[in-house]
């Protein structure tokens, strides 16, 4: 009899404890679990994949360059108004404060740099900055054209119009041309265009718009193989053959 009573007591205890255990298990399964974030996909930058370029932002702001002239005005302290020329080393020498390195900055970035410099002598200075003289946008046409060289990009023009500005094709020129477009600080994109078809009214949408820094190369002979992306260097524009394997 004692054994039966002990068995009944143990069974009752287990039945009472089971809902608690089930509830605890349910709570554990529904509680948030920290999960390591999935690795992000490669961005295509130079560090992740050195064989692919990083595309530039659309409509990038102009960056101050050597030789540019900037005018800064202080609405509440006109005695500091001045015009400065960016030196060959990228610095300017503003009145009343130390030299500032502004090469590569956009206008808003330069304003913040001047504010930080003048905050040492003025309380919360207000500064207006304008570019009064700057590097004009240019493009280059080289190879078999009448007047190869560098031209100012004043209007919205296409590749065929750029070649016309450069004197048109020479008798030795082929109508298959190459367009260099710089897409990052270290890469240039190369496109092959068949201008014969474009001039005959076919695929006219492929007549690309020229952008600042673009170069058109008109070869003397037909070329079938070329590299779509080539590393950029200062001497690259002087050696268009770098795109051909």
Protein backbone atom coordinates (compact mmCIF):
# COMPACT_ATOMS: atom_id res chain seq x y z
CA UNK A 1 0.00 0.00 0.00
CA UNK A 2 2.82 2.40 0.88
CA UNK A 3 4.44 1.68 -2.48
CA UNK A 4 1.23 2.49 -4.35
CA UNK A 5 0.83 5.80 -2.47
CA UNK A 6 4.44 6.77 -3.23
CA UNK A 7 3.91 6.02 -6.92
CA UNK A 8 0.74 8.13 -7.01
CA UNK A 9 2.51 11.07 -5.31
CA UNK A 10 5.41 10.95 -7.78
CA UNK A 11 3.01 10.77 -10.74
CA UNK A 12 1.06 13.78 -9.44
CA UNK A 13 4.29 15.79 -9.04
CA UNK A 14 5.36 14.94 -12.61
CA UNK A 15 1.96 15.93 -14.03
CA UNK A 16 2.09 19.28 -12.24
CA UNK A 17 5.63 20.01 -13.37
CA UNK A 18 5.07 19.11 -17.05
CA UNK A 19 3.10 22.28 -18.02
CA UNK A 20 5.81 24.40 -16.45
CA UNK A 21 8.52 22.57 -18.40
CA UNK A 22 6.55 22.84 -21.65
CA UNK A 23 5.97 26.56 -21.05
CA UNK A 24 9.68 27.09 -20.36
CA UNK A 25 10.57 25.27 -23.56
CA UNK A 26 8.06 27.39 -25.47
CA UNK A 27 9.48 30.61 -24.02
CA UNK A 28 13.01 29.57 -24.94
CA UNK A 29 12.05 28.79 -28.50
CA UNK A 30 10.24 32.13 -28.97
CA UNK A 31 12.93 34.33 -27.46
CA UNK A 32 15.10 36.29 -29.91
CA UNK A 33 18.37 34.69 -30.92
CA UNK A 34 21.40 36.71 -31.94
CA UNK A 35 22.37 35.79 -35.49
CA UNK A 36 25.61 36.88 -37.04
CA UNK A 37 24.93 39.14 -40.01
CA UNK A 38 25.47 37.58 -43.39
CA UNK A 39 28.64 38.72 -45.07
CA UNK A 40 27.93 41.58 -47.42
CA UNK A 41 28.48 41.11 -51.10
CA UNK A 42 31.70 42.51 -52.50
CA UNK A 43 31.24 46.14 -53.41
CA UNK A 44 33.52 45.92 -56.39
CA UNK A 45 36.00 48.36 -54.84
CA UNK A 46 39.72 48.15 -55.35
CA UNK A 47 40.33 46.40 -52.04
CA UNK A 48 37.66 43.75 -52.54
CA UNK A 49 38.24 43.09 -56.23
CA UNK A 50 41.26 44.86 -57.68
CA UNK A 51 40.34 43.70 -61.19
CA UNK A 52 37.13 45.74 -61.33
CA UNK A 53 36.69 49.51 -61.06
CA UNK A 54 34.50 51.39 -58.60
CA UNK A 55 31.90 53.46 -60.42
CA UNK A 56 31.67 57.15 -59.75
CA UNK A 57 28.62 58.83 -58.27
CA UNK A 58 26.14 60.35 -60.67
CA UNK A 59 26.49 64.12 -61.09
CA UNK A 60 29.63 64.51 -58.94
CA UNK A 61 30.46 67.94 -57.54
CA UNK A 62 33.40 69.88 -58.97
CA UNK A 63 36.57 69.45 -56.94
CA UNK A 64 38.97 72.32 -56.47
CA UNK A 65 42.20 71.96 -58.42
CA UNK A 66 45.60 73.60 -58.61
CA UNK A 67 45.43 77.01 -60.28
CA UNK A 68 41.77 77.61 -59.39
CA UNK A 69 40.81 80.99 -58.00
CA UNK A 70 38.37 81.18 -55.11
CA UNK A 71 36.70 84.21 -53.57
CA UNK A 72 35.67 84.10 -49.92
CA UNK A 73 33.42 86.68 -48.28
CA UNK A 74 32.58 87.24 -44.61
CA UNK A 75 29.16 88.95 -44.34
CA UNK A 76 29.84 89.92 -40.69
CA UNK A 77 33.58 90.57 -40.97
CA UNK A 78 34.27 92.07 -44.38
CA UNK A 79 37.89 92.86 -43.47
CA UNK A 80 38.61 89.18 -44.10
CA UNK A 81 37.14 89.19 -47.62
CA UNK A 82 39.77 87.96 -50.08
CA UNK A 83 40.53 86.20 -53.33
CA UNK A 84 42.90 83.25 -53.27
CA UNK A 85 44.65 81.14 -55.89
CA UNK A 86 45.29 77.46 -55.21
CA UNK A 87 49.04 76.91 -55.26
CA UNK A 88 50.76 74.05 -57.15
CA UNK A 89 50.94 72.10 -53.88
CA UNK A 90 47.17 72.39 -53.32
CA UNK A 91 47.36 74.97 -50.51
CA UNK A 92 45.94 78.48 -50.18
CA UNK A 93 47.20 81.18 -47.83
CA UNK A 94 44.17 82.90 -46.28
CA UNK A 95 44.58 86.12 -44.36
CA UNK A 96 44.77 85.84 -40.58
CA UNK A 97 45.08 82.05 -40.33
CA UNK A 98 47.31 79.17 -41.34
CA UNK A 99 47.57 77.72 -44.83
CA UNK A 100 44.79 75.37 -45.88
CA UNK A 101 44.96 72.37 -48.19
CA UNK A 102 41.89 72.62 -50.42
CA UNK A 103 42.81 70.63 -53.51
CA UNK A 104 40.28 67.86 -54.12
CA UNK A 105 37.59 69.49 -51.97
CA UNK A 106 34.14 70.43 -53.19
CA UNK A 107 32.93 73.98 -52.51
CA UNK A 108 30.82 72.92 -49.46
CA UNK A 109 33.80 71.02 -48.07
CA UNK A 110 36.07 74.03 -48.55
CA UNK A 111 33.55 76.28 -46.78
CA UNK A 112 33.61 73.98 -43.76
CA UNK A 113 37.41 73.95 -43.81
CA UNK A 114 37.54 77.77 -43.80
CA UNK A 115 34.95 77.95 -41.03
CA UNK A 116 37.02 75.61 -38.89
CA UNK A 117 40.18 77.63 -39.52
CA UNK A 118 38.60 81.02 -38.81
CA UNK A 119 36.69 79.80 -35.77
CA UNK A 120 39.95 80.27 -33.88
CA UNK A 121 39.70 84.05 -34.33
CA UNK A 122 36.00 84.60 -35.12
CA UNK A 123 32.90 83.39 -33.29
CA UNK A 124 30.86 81.10 -35.56
CA UNK A 125 32.04 82.77 -38.78
CA UNK A 126 29.70 83.04 -41.75
CA UNK A 127 31.55 82.41 -45.01
CA UNK A 128 30.49 82.54 -48.65
CA UNK A 129 32.82 80.90 -51.17
CA UNK A 130 32.71 81.17 -54.95
CA UNK A 131 34.89 79.74 -57.70
CA UNK A 132 35.84 82.69 -59.87
CA UNK A 133 38.29 80.84 -62.13
CA UNK A 134 38.57 77.09 -62.49
CA UNK A 135 39.67 74.30 -64.79
CA UNK A 136 37.40 74.28 -67.82
CA UNK A 137 35.98 70.89 -68.85
CA UNK A 138 38.01 69.46 -71.70
CA UNK A 139 38.02 66.47 -74.05
CA UNK A 140 40.68 64.98 -76.30
CA UNK A 141 40.53 63.61 -79.82
CA UNK A 142 43.60 61.74 -81.05
CA UNK A 143 44.60 59.47 -83.89
CA UNK A 144 43.52 59.81 -87.49
CA UNK A 145 41.71 63.17 -87.39
CA UNK A 146 42.50 66.47 -89.06
CA UNK A 147 43.37 68.39 -85.89
CA UNK A 148 44.11 66.05 -82.99
CA UNK A 149 44.34 67.74 -79.63
CA UNK A 150 42.51 68.97 -76.54
CA UNK A 151 39.29 70.95 -76.84
CA UNK A 152 37.07 72.76 -74.40
CA UNK A 153 33.77 71.02 -73.70
CA UNK A 154 31.40 73.96 -73.89
CA UNK A 155 28.24 72.24 -75.06
CA UNK A 156 26.53 68.87 -74.86
CA UNK A 157 28.13 67.09 -77.83
CA UNK A 158 28.41 63.52 -79.08
CA UNK A 159 31.41 61.50 -80.27
CA UNK A 160 30.68 62.20 -83.93
CA UNK A 161 30.45 65.93 -83.21
CA UNK A 162 33.71 65.81 -81.25
CA UNK A 163 35.46 64.25 -84.26
CA UNK A 164 34.01 66.95 -86.49
CA UNK A 165 35.36 69.63 -84.15
CA UNK A 166 38.78 67.96 -84.40
CA UNK A 167 38.80 68.28 -88.19
CA UNK A 168 37.04 65.06 -89.15
CA UNK A 169 38.51 61.75 -90.31
CA UNK A 170 41.71 61.58 -92.32
CA UNK A 171 41.79 59.36 -95.45
CA UNK A 172 43.63 56.72 -93.42
CA UNK A 173 41.07 56.64 -90.62
CA UNK A 174 38.70 53.82 -89.85
CA UNK A 175 35.21 54.63 -88.67
CA UNK A 176 35.54 52.22 -85.76
CA UNK A 177 36.68 54.44 -82.89
CA UNK A 178 37.38 54.02 -79.18
CA UNK A 179 35.98 56.18 -76.40
CA UNK A 180 37.92 56.44 -73.14
CA UNK A 181 35.86 57.47 -70.12
CA UNK A 182 37.40 57.78 -66.70
CA UNK A 183 35.07 56.15 -64.15
CA UNK A 184 37.27 56.30 -61.05
CA UNK A 185 40.64 57.56 -59.90
CA UNK A 186 42.32 54.38 -61.07
CA UNK A 187 40.23 53.06 -63.96
CA UNK A 188 39.20 54.08 -67.47
CA UNK A 189 36.32 52.47 -69.33
CA UNK A 190 36.86 51.79 -73.03
CA UNK A 191 34.00 51.58 -75.52
CA UNK A 192 34.19 50.67 -79.19
CA UNK A 193 31.83 52.60 -81.46
CA UNK A 194 31.02 51.92 -85.11
CA UNK A 195 30.52 55.43 -86.42
CA UNK A 196 29.90 54.24 -89.97
CA UNK A 197 26.58 52.76 -88.91
CA UNK A 198 25.75 55.80 -86.78
CA UNK A 199 26.50 58.20 -89.65
CA UNK A 200 24.29 56.07 -91.90
CA UNK A 201 21.39 56.41 -89.48
CA UNK A 202 21.74 53.04 -87.74
CA UNK A 203 22.08 52.66 -83.97
CA UNK A 204 22.16 56.43 -83.54
CA UNK A 205 21.51 56.00 -79.82
CA UNK A 206 25.03 54.58 -79.52
CA UNK A 207 26.52 57.97 -80.41
CA UNK A 208 27.68 58.58 -76.85
CA UNK A 209 27.66 61.96 -75.17
CA UNK A 210 31.09 63.35 -74.43
CA UNK A 211 31.89 64.03 -70.79
CA UNK A 212 34.65 65.95 -69.09
CA UNK A 213 38.00 64.24 -69.51
CA UNK A 214 36.84 61.85 -72.24
CA UNK A 215 39.16 60.92 -75.08
CA UNK A 216 38.27 59.64 -78.55
CA UNK A 217 40.92 57.61 -80.35
CA UNK A 218 40.56 57.08 -84.10
CA UNK A 219 42.79 54.18 -85.21
CA UNK A 220 44.38 53.75 -88.61
CA UNK A 221 43.57 50.08 -88.91
CA UNK A 222 40.69 47.86 -87.87
CA UNK A 223 41.06 46.46 -84.35
CA UNK A 224 39.09 43.46 -83.14
CA UNK A 225 40.38 42.90 -79.58
CA UNK A 226 40.56 45.48 -76.82
CA UNK A 227 40.41 45.71 -73.06
CA UNK A 228 37.15 47.12 -71.68
CA UNK A 229 38.81 48.50 -68.53
CA UNK A 230 42.38 49.71 -68.23
CA UNK A 231 44.23 51.18 -65.24
CA UNK A 232 44.47 54.95 -65.34
CA UNK A 233 47.80 56.73 -65.23
CA UNK A 234 48.99 60.20 -66.17
CA UNK A 235 50.57 58.93 -69.36
CA UNK A 236 47.65 56.78 -70.45
CA UNK A 237 46.13 59.38 -72.74
CA UNK A 238 49.43 59.67 -74.57
CA UNK A 239 49.49 55.94 -75.27
CA UNK A 240 46.09 54.73 -76.52
CA UNK A 241 47.61 51.40 -77.57
CA UNK A 242 47.41 50.38 -73.88
CA UNK A 243 43.85 49.17 -74.49
CA UNK A 244 44.84 46.59 -77.05
CA UNK A 245 46.00 43.13 -75.91
